[in-house]
PDB file of N, CA and C in Angstrom:
ATOM      1  N   UNK A   1     150.522 -53.920  94.551  1.00  0.00           N
ATOM      2  CA  UNK A   1     150.092 -54.674  95.819  1.00  0.00           C
ATOM      3  C   UNK A   1     151.223 -55.319  96.485  1.00  0.00           C
ATOM      4  N   UNK A   2     152.025 -55.887  95.615  1.00  0.00           N
ATOM      5  CA  UNK A   2     153.147 -56.729  96.028  1.00  0.00           C
ATOM      6  C   UNK A   2     154.258 -55.638  96.785  1.00  0.00           C
ATOM      7  N   UNK A   3     154.429 -54.599  96.354  1.00  0.00           N
ATOM      8  CA  UNK A   3     155.184 -53.626  97.047  1.00  0.00           C
ATOM      9  C   UNK A   3     154.556 -53.193  98.485  1.00  0.00           C
ATOM     10  N   UNK A   4     153.327 -53.141  98.488  1.00  0.00           N
ATOM     11  CA  UNK A   4     152.541 -52.745  99.739  1.00  0.00           C
ATOM     12  C   UNK A   4     152.834 -53.884 100.550  1.00  0.00           C
ATOM     13  N   UNK A   5     152.414 -55.070 100.262  1.00  0.00           N
ATOM     14  CA  UNK A   5     152.524 -56.372 101.195  1.00  0.00           C
ATOM     15  C   UNK A   5     154.036 -56.595 101.571  1.00  0.00           C
ATOM     16  N   UNK A   6     154.950 -56.590 100.559  1.00  0.00           N
ATOM     17  CA  UNK A   6     156.412 -56.832 100.843  1.00  0.00           C
ATOM     18  C   UNK A   6     157.118 -55.708 101.575  1.00  0.00           C
ATOM     19  N   UNK A   7     156.569 -54.447 101.466  1.00  0.00           N
ATOM     20  CA  UNK A   7     157.216 -53.425 102.119  1.00  0.00           C
ATOM     21  C   UNK A   7     157.283 -53.558 103.632  1.00  0.00           C
ATOM     22  N   UNK A   8     158.108 -52.673 104.335  1.00  0.00           N
ATOM     23  CA  UNK A   8     158.159 -52.695 105.679  1.00  0.00           C
ATOM     24  C   UNK A   8     157.306 -51.729 106.547  1.00  0.00           C
ATOM     25  N   UNK A   9     156.118 -51.672 106.025  1.00  0.00           N
ATOM     26  CA  UNK A   9     155.089 -50.729 106.478  1.00  0.00           C
ATOM     27  C   UNK A   9     154.354 -51.549 107.718  1.00  0.00           C
ATOM     28  N   UNK A  10     153.745 -50.739 108.595  1.00  0.00           N
ATOM     29  CA  UNK A  10     152.968 -51.339 109.551  1.00  0.00           C
ATOM     30  C   UNK A  10     151.729 -51.865 109.026  1.00  0.00           C
ATOM     31  N   UNK A  11     150.998 -52.524 109.948  1.00  0.00           N
ATOM     32  CA  UNK A  11     149.759 -53.228 109.381  1.00  0.00           C
ATOM     33  C   UNK A  11     148.614 -52.213 109.190  1.00  0.00           C
ATOM     34  N   UNK A  12     148.680 -51.180 109.782  1.00  0.00           N
ATOM     35  CA  UNK A  12     147.600 -49.998 109.682  1.00  0.00           C
ATOM     36  C   UNK A  12     147.957 -49.461 108.190  1.00  0.00           C
ATOM     37  N   UNK A  13     149.079 -49.186 107.878  1.00  0.00           N
ATOM     38  CA  UNK A  13     149.394 -48.541 106.602  1.00  0.00           C
ATOM     39  C   UNK A  13     149.226 -49.468 105.438  1.00  0.00           C
ATOM     40  N   UNK A  14     149.783 -50.649 105.619  1.00  0.00           N
ATOM     41  CA  UNK A  14     149.427 -51.720 104.621  1.00  0.00           C
ATOM     42  C   UNK A  14     148.035 -51.931 104.356  1.00  0.00           C
ATOM     43  N   UNK A  15     147.104 -51.940 105.312  1.00  0.00           N
ATOM     44  CA  UNK A  15     145.808 -52.236 105.235  1.00  0.00           C
ATOM     45  C   UNK A  15     145.161 -50.935 104.553  1.00  0.00           C
ATOM     46  N   UNK A  16     145.552 -49.884 104.901  1.00  0.00           N
ATOM     47  CA  UNK A  16     144.841 -48.434 104.315  1.00  0.00           C
ATOM     48  C   UNK A  16     145.272 -48.520 102.817  1.00  0.00           C
ATOM     49  N   UNK A  17     146.645 -48.828 102.604  1.00  0.00           N
ATOM     50  CA  UNK A  17     147.079 -48.655 101.141  1.00  0.00           C
ATOM     51  C   UNK A  17     146.435 -49.773 100.328  1.00  0.00           C
ATOM     52  N   UNK A  18     146.441 -50.984 100.895  1.00  0.00           N
ATOM     53  CA  UNK A  18     146.021 -52.172 100.069  1.00  0.00           C
ATOM     54  C   UNK A  18     144.557 -52.106  99.863  1.00  0.00           C
ATOM     55  N   UNK A  19     143.694 -51.963 100.840  1.00  0.00           N
ATOM     56  CA  UNK A  19     142.364 -52.106 100.602  1.00  0.00           C
ATOM     57  C   UNK A  19     141.769 -50.649 100.354  1.00  0.00           C
ATOM     58  N   UNK A  20     142.345 -49.572 100.900  1.00  0.00           N
ATOM     59  CA  UNK A  20     141.732 -48.108 100.609  1.00  0.00           C
ATOM     60  C   UNK A  20     142.189 -47.895  99.234  1.00  0.00           C
ATOM     61  N   UNK A  21     143.489 -47.642  99.015  1.00  0.00           N
ATOM     62  CA  UNK A  21     143.838 -47.033  97.727  1.00  0.00           C
ATOM     63  C   UNK A  21     143.689 -47.948  96.589  1.00  0.00           C
ATOM     64  N   UNK A  22     144.200 -48.982  96.745  1.00  0.00           N
ATOM     65  CA  UNK A  22     144.127 -50.111  95.548  1.00  0.00           C
ATOM     66  C   UNK A  22     142.865 -50.529  95.304  1.00  0.00           C
ATOM     67  N   UNK A  23     141.890 -50.878  96.272  1.00  0.00           N
ATOM     68  CA  UNK A  23     140.603 -51.098  96.291  1.00  0.00           C
ATOM     69  C   UNK A  23     139.756 -50.015  95.467  1.00  0.00           C
ATOM     70  N   UNK A  24     139.918 -48.722  95.894  1.00  0.00           N
ATOM     71  CA  UNK A  24     139.313 -47.633  95.128  1.00  0.00           C
ATOM     72  C   UNK A  24     139.689 -47.461  93.748  1.00  0.00           C
ATOM     73  N   UNK A  25     141.029 -47.619  93.568  1.00  0.00           N
ATOM     74  CA  UNK A  25     141.672 -47.619  92.236  1.00  0.00           C
ATOM     75  C   UNK A  25     141.012 -48.486  91.209  1.00  0.00           C
ATOM     76  N   UNK A  26     140.899 -49.822  91.638  1.00  0.00           N
ATOM     77  CA  UNK A  26     140.287 -50.775  90.736  1.00  0.00           C
ATOM     78  C   UNK A  26     138.916 -50.575  90.568  1.00  0.00           C
ATOM     79  N   UNK A  27     138.248 -50.300  91.666  1.00  0.00           N
ATOM     80  CA  UNK A  27     136.676 -49.937  91.443  1.00  0.00           C
ATOM     81  C   UNK A  27     136.484 -48.950  90.476  1.00  0.00           C
ATOM     82  N   UNK A  28     137.277 -47.790  90.688  1.00  0.00           N
ATOM     83  CA  UNK A  28     136.948 -46.592  89.870  1.00  0.00           C
ATOM     84  C   UNK A  28     137.183 -47.137  88.412  1.00  0.00           C
ATOM     85  N   UNK A  29     138.288 -47.889  88.103  1.00  0.00           N
ATOM     86  CA  UNK A  29     138.783 -48.296  86.858  1.00  0.00           C
ATOM     87  C   UNK A  29     137.625 -48.938  86.126  1.00  0.00           C
ATOM     88  N   UNK A  30     137.157 -49.990  86.821  1.00  0.00           N
ATOM     89  CA  UNK A  30     136.026 -50.795  86.407  1.00  0.00           C
ATOM     90  C   UNK A  30     134.804 -49.827  86.018  1.00  0.00           C
ATOM     91  N   UNK A  31     134.511 -48.963  86.790  1.00  0.00           N
ATOM     92  CA  UNK A  31     133.444 -48.045  86.574  1.00  0.00           C
ATOM     93  C   UNK A  31     133.448 -47.242  85.332  1.00  0.00           C
ATOM     94  N   UNK A  32     134.716 -46.717  85.091  1.00  0.00           N
ATOM     95  CA  UNK A  32     135.043 -45.975  83.776  1.00  0.00           C
ATOM     96  C   UNK A  32     135.086 -46.993  82.695  1.00  0.00           C
ATOM     97  N   UNK A  33     135.536 -48.127  82.888  1.00  0.00           N
ATOM     98  CA  UNK A  33     135.466 -48.999  81.579  1.00  0.00           C
ATOM     99  C   UNK A  33     134.090 -49.483  81.346  1.00  0.00           C
ATOM    100  N   UNK A  34     133.226 -49.727  82.353  1.00  0.00           N
ATOM    101  CA  UNK A  34     131.892 -49.971  81.847  1.00  0.00           C
ATOM    102  C   UNK A  34     131.194 -48.756  81.247  1.00  0.00           C
ATOM    103  N   UNK A  35     131.447 -47.526  81.620  1.00  0.00           N
ATOM    104  CA  UNK A  35     131.009 -46.365  80.937  1.00  0.00           C
ATOM    105  C   UNK A  35     131.428 -46.372  79.518  1.00  0.00           C
ATOM    106  N   UNK A  36     132.754 -46.567  79.219  1.00  0.00           N
ATOM    107  CA  UNK A  36     133.283 -46.598  77.921  1.00  0.00           C
ATOM    108  C   UNK A  36     132.481 -47.682  76.959  1.00  0.00           C
ATOM    109  N   UNK A  37     132.349 -48.751  77.729  1.00  0.00           N
ATOM    110  CA  UNK A  37     131.647 -49.818  76.902  1.00  0.00           C
ATOM    111  C   UNK A  37     130.220 -49.357  76.491  1.00  0.00           C
ATOM    112  N   UNK A  38     129.557 -48.854  77.388  1.00  0.00           N
ATOM    113  CA  UNK A  38     128.170 -48.517  77.136  1.00  0.00           C
ATOM    114  C   UNK A  38     128.229 -47.229  76.011  1.00  0.00           C
ATOM    115  N   UNK A  39     129.101 -46.562  76.094  1.00  0.00           N
ATOM    116  CA  UNK A  39     129.391 -45.307  75.101  1.00  0.00           C
ATOM    117  C   UNK A  39     129.676 -45.918  73.667  1.00  0.00           C
ATOM    118  N   UNK A  40     130.528 -46.921  73.468  1.00  0.00           N
ATOM    119  CA  UNK A  40     130.979 -47.537  72.364  1.00  0.00           C
ATOM    120  C   UNK A  40     129.700 -48.383  71.955  1.00  0.00           C
ATOM    121  N   UNK A  41     128.931 -48.992  72.694  1.00  0.00           N
ATOM    122  CA  UNK A  41     127.827 -49.729  72.289  1.00  0.00           C
ATOM    123  C   UNK A  41     126.624 -48.774  71.980  1.00  0.00           C
ATOM    124  N   UNK A  42     126.742 -47.552  72.198  1.00  0.00           N
ATOM    125  CA  UNK A  42     125.803 -46.489  71.931  1.00  0.00           C
ATOM    126  C   UNK A  42     124.510 -46.859  72.754  1.00  0.00           C
ATOM    127  N   UNK A  43     124.733 -47.262  74.021  1.00  0.00           N
ATOM    128  CA  UNK A  43     123.582 -47.229  75.059  1.00  0.00           C
ATOM    129  C   UNK A  43     123.414 -46.203  75.854  1.00  0.00           C
ATOM    130  N   UNK A  44     123.120 -45.095  75.199  1.00  0.00           N
ATOM    131  CA  UNK A  44     123.024 -43.784  75.839  1.00  0.00           C
ATOM    132  C   UNK A  44     122.135 -43.534  77.145  1.00  0.00           C
ATOM    133  N   UNK A  45     120.753 -44.072  77.009  1.00  0.00           N
ATOM    134  CA  UNK A  45     119.976 -43.951  78.140  1.00  0.00           C
ATOM    135  C   UNK A  45     120.450 -44.807  79.496  1.00  0.00           C
ATOM    136  N   UNK A  46     121.166 -45.875  79.155  1.00  0.00           N
ATOM    137  CA  UNK A  46     121.714 -46.727  80.312  1.00  0.00           C
ATOM    138  C   UNK A  46     122.809 -45.950  80.833  1.00  0.00           C
ATOM    139  N   UNK A  47     123.763 -45.540  79.971  1.00  0.00           N
ATOM    140  CA  UNK A  47     125.105 -44.762  80.337  1.00  0.00           C
ATOM    141  C   UNK A  47     124.764 -43.539  81.239  1.00  0.00           C
ATOM    142  N   UNK A  48     123.815 -42.859  80.796  1.00  0.00           N
ATOM    143  CA  UNK A  48     123.392 -41.601  81.451  1.00  0.00           C
ATOM    144  C   UNK A  48     122.793 -41.894  82.749  1.00  0.00           C
ATOM    145  N   UNK A  49     121.968 -42.860  82.846  1.00  0.00           N
ATOM    146  CA  UNK A  49     121.292 -43.371  84.077  1.00  0.00           C
ATOM    147  C   UNK A  49     122.387 -43.733  85.078  1.00  0.00           C
ATOM    148  N   UNK A  50     123.359 -44.574  84.506  1.00  0.00           N
ATOM    149  CA  UNK A  50     124.317 -45.182  85.306  1.00  0.00           C
ATOM    150  C   UNK A  50     125.272 -44.105  86.014  1.00  0.00           C
ATOM    151  N   UNK A  51     125.703 -43.208  85.281  1.00  0.00           N
ATOM    152  CA  UNK A  51     126.415 -42.119  85.683  1.00  0.00           C
ATOM    153  C   UNK A  51     125.671 -41.129  86.630  1.00  0.00           C
ATOM    154  N   UNK A  52     124.474 -40.977  86.399  1.00  0.00           N
ATOM    155  CA  UNK A  52     123.649 -40.068  87.277  1.00  0.00           C
ATOM    156  C   UNK A  52     123.641 -40.702  88.663  1.00  0.00           C
ATOM    157  N   UNK A  53     123.176 -42.003  88.549  1.00  0.00           N
ATOM    158  CA  UNK A  53     122.913 -42.687  89.944  1.00  0.00           C
ATOM    159  C   UNK A  53     124.386 -42.871  90.479  1.00  0.00           C
ATOM    160  N   UNK A  54     125.238 -43.072  89.916  1.00  0.00           N
ATOM    161  CA  UNK A  54     126.526 -43.514  90.447  1.00  0.00           C
ATOM    162  C   UNK A  54     127.189 -41.995  91.237  1.00  0.00           C
ATOM    163  N   UNK A  55     127.218 -40.923  90.495  1.00  0.00           N
ATOM    164  CA  UNK A  55     127.770 -39.755  91.104  1.00  0.00           C
ATOM    165  C   UNK A  55     126.787 -38.922  91.834  1.00  0.00           C
ATOM    166  N   UNK A  56     125.553 -38.768  91.553  1.00  0.00           N
ATOM    167  CA  UNK A  56     124.613 -38.021  92.366  1.00  0.00           C
ATOM    168  C   UNK A  56     124.128 -38.934  93.611  1.00  0.00           C
ATOM    169  N   UNK A  57     123.954 -40.084  93.298  1.00  0.00           N
ATOM    170  CA  UNK A  57     123.761 -40.982  94.520  1.00  0.00           C
ATOM    171  C   UNK A  57     124.845 -41.111  95.298  1.00  0.00           C
ATOM    172  N   UNK A  58     125.877 -41.143  94.896  1.00  0.00           N
ATOM    173  CA  UNK A  58     127.163 -41.280  95.975  1.00  0.00           C
ATOM    174  C   UNK A  58     127.393 -40.214  96.749  1.00  0.00           C
ATOM    175  N   UNK A  59     127.175 -38.831  96.000  1.00  0.00           N
ATOM    176  CA  UNK A  59     127.399 -37.686  96.718  1.00  0.00           C
ATOM    177  C   UNK A  59     126.118 -37.429  97.857  1.00  0.00           C
ATOM    178  N   UNK A  60     125.010 -37.736  97.331  1.00  0.00           N
ATOM    179  CA  UNK A  60     123.783 -37.747  98.373  1.00  0.00           C
ATOM    180  C   UNK A  60     124.011 -38.781  99.553  1.00  0.00           C
ATOM    181  N   UNK A  61     124.379 -39.960  99.257  1.00  0.00           N
ATOM    182  CA  UNK A  61     124.517 -40.943 100.516  1.00  0.00           C
ATOM    183  C   UNK A  61     125.830 -40.563 101.114  1.00  0.00           C
ATOM    184  N   UNK A  62     126.740 -39.937 100.810  1.00  0.00           N
ATOM    185  CA  UNK A  62     127.769 -39.413 101.499  1.00  0.00           C
ATOM    186  C   UNK A  62     127.399 -38.348 102.458  1.00  0.00           C
ATOM    187  N   UNK A  63     126.725 -37.448 101.862  1.00  0.00           N
ATOM    188  CA  UNK A  63     126.011 -36.357 102.664  1.00  0.00           C
ATOM    189  C   UNK A  63     125.206 -36.925 103.795  1.00  0.00           C
ATOM    190  N   UNK A  64     124.322 -37.935 103.473  1.00  0.00           N
ATOM    191  CA  UNK A  64     123.431 -38.452 104.353  1.00  0.00           C
ATOM    192  C   UNK A  64     124.212 -39.182 105.483  1.00  0.00           C
ATOM    193  N   UNK A  65     125.127 -39.705 105.229  1.00  0.00           N
ATOM    194  CA  UNK A  65     126.159 -40.435 106.121  1.00  0.00           C
ATOM    195  C   UNK A  65     126.577 -39.328 107.190  1.00  0.00           C
ATOM    196  N   UNK A  66     127.065 -38.240 106.677  1.00  0.00           N
ATOM    197  CA  UNK A  66     127.633 -37.071 107.437  1.00  0.00           C
ATOM    198  C   UNK A  66     126.492 -36.609 108.322  1.00  0.00           C
ATOM    199  N   UNK A  67     125.274 -36.345 107.729  1.00  0.00           N
ATOM    200  CA  UNK A  67     124.226 -35.885 108.617  1.00  0.00           C
ATOM    201  C   UNK A  67     123.920 -36.866 109.723  1.00  0.00           C
ATOM    202  N   UNK A  68     123.912 -38.191 109.345  1.00  0.00           N
ATOM    203  CA  UNK A  68     123.449 -39.165 110.468  1.00  0.00           C
ATOM    204  C   UNK A  68     124.534 -39.132 111.640  1.00  0.00           C
ATOM    205  N   UNK A  69     125.744 -39.011 111.349  1.00  0.00           N
ATOM    206  CA  UNK A  69     126.729 -39.065 112.403  1.00  0.00           C
ATOM    207  C   UNK A  69     126.955 -37.751 113.232  1.00  0.00           C
ATOM    208  N   UNK A  70     126.268 -36.699 112.733  1.00  0.00           N
ATOM    209  CA  UNK A  70     126.649 -35.498 113.603  1.00  0.00           C
ATOM    210  C   UNK A  70     125.564 -35.284 114.509  1.00  0.00           C
TER     211      UNK A  70
END
């Protein structure tokens, strides 16, 4: 993040890389860490439900968003 902020990029590129890329990267890392913790704690039903809602729900909501704007 320091390289992005301190770099000589324009505001749009800095904003896109900072919040877009770095924000998505840290969110996905947290998501995977939570799944690993559920796996290690052998909380299978919660883990499967969390994965299903996150992946299937995310895809369905993205599709719904595309349908709404078309």
